[in-house]
Amino acid sequence: MNVAELIEALGGTNHLATALSVSPAGVRNWRSFGRLPARHYKKVLALATEKGIDEISLDLFWED
């Protein structure tokens, strides 16, 4: 799964932005960059677990 697929699986740009308290533009930038900021790892993992996504690669995150 890549970042774009993960964002969609977690409910899309606007839903993820709201869940992480960031702007939709920020999420769109992550999609373009192909990585998510590591500071959001725990929350993304929790959201993924709620959606039944069992595994998220650490390669999808960058140290910010």
Protein backbone atom coordinates (compact mmCIF):
# COMPACT_ATOMS: atom_id res chain seq x y z
CA MET A 1 0.00 0.00 0.00
CA ASN A 2 1.33 3.44 -0.89
CA VAL A 3 0.49 6.77 0.76
CA ALA A 4 -2.28 7.66 -1.71
CA GLU A 5 -3.94 4.29 -1.15
CA LEU A 6 -3.58 4.63 2.62
CA ILE A 7 -5.14 8.10 2.60
CA GLU A 8 -8.11 6.79 0.63
CA ALA A 9 -8.43 3.73 2.88
CA LEU A 10 -8.54 6.02 5.92
CA GLY A 11 -11.46 7.99 4.49
CA GLY A 12 -9.86 10.40 2.06
CA THR A 13 -8.06 13.70 2.26
CA ASN A 14 -10.63 15.72 4.20
CA HIS A 15 -11.39 12.97 6.70
CA LEU A 16 -7.72 12.33 7.44
CA ALA A 17 -7.00 16.07 7.70
CA THR A 18 -9.76 16.45 10.28
CA ALA A 19 -8.64 13.37 12.21
CA LEU A 20 -5.06 14.63 12.38
CA SER A 21 -5.95 18.31 12.92
CA VAL A 22 -4.11 19.43 9.80
CA SER A 23 -5.25 21.17 6.63
CA PRO A 24 -6.47 19.22 3.61
CA ALA A 25 -3.68 20.94 1.66
CA GLY A 26 -1.16 19.34 4.02
CA VAL A 27 -2.59 15.89 3.36
CA ARG A 28 -2.53 16.57 -0.40
CA ASN A 29 1.16 17.51 -0.07
CA TRP A 30 1.87 14.23 1.72
CA ARG A 31 0.10 12.37 -1.06
CA SER A 32 2.28 14.15 -3.64
CA PHE A 33 5.45 13.61 -1.61
CA GLY A 34 4.59 9.95 -1.03
CA ARG A 35 5.27 10.04 2.70
CA LEU A 36 3.51 11.02 5.91
CA PRO A 37 5.20 12.88 8.79
CA ALA A 38 6.36 10.46 11.48
CA ARG A 39 4.75 12.59 14.19
CA HIS A 40 1.38 11.29 12.98
CA TYR A 41 2.36 7.60 13.02
CA LYS A 42 0.48 6.60 16.19
CA LYS A 43 -2.74 8.33 15.17
CA VAL A 44 -2.56 6.94 11.60
CA LEU A 45 -1.95 3.47 13.02
CA ALA A 46 -4.99 3.83 15.32
CA LEU A 47 -7.17 5.01 12.42
CA ALA A 48 -5.91 2.14 10.27
CA THR A 49 -6.71 -0.38 13.00
CA GLU A 50 -10.25 1.03 13.23
CA LYS A 51 -10.60 0.51 9.46
CA GLY A 52 -9.27 -3.06 9.62
CA ILE A 53 -5.91 -2.29 8.05
CA ASP A 54 -3.48 -4.68 9.71
CA GLU A 55 -0.12 -3.42 8.59
CA ILE A 56 1.38 -0.06 7.67
CA SER A 57 4.96 0.10 6.47
CA LEU A 58 7.27 2.48 8.28
CA ASP A 59 8.58 3.35 4.82
CA LEU A 60 5.44 5.46 4.36
CA PHE A 61 6.65 7.91 7.02
CA TRP A 62 9.49 10.43 7.12
CA GLU A 63 11.15 11.85 10.19
CA ASP A 64 10.05 15.47 10.47
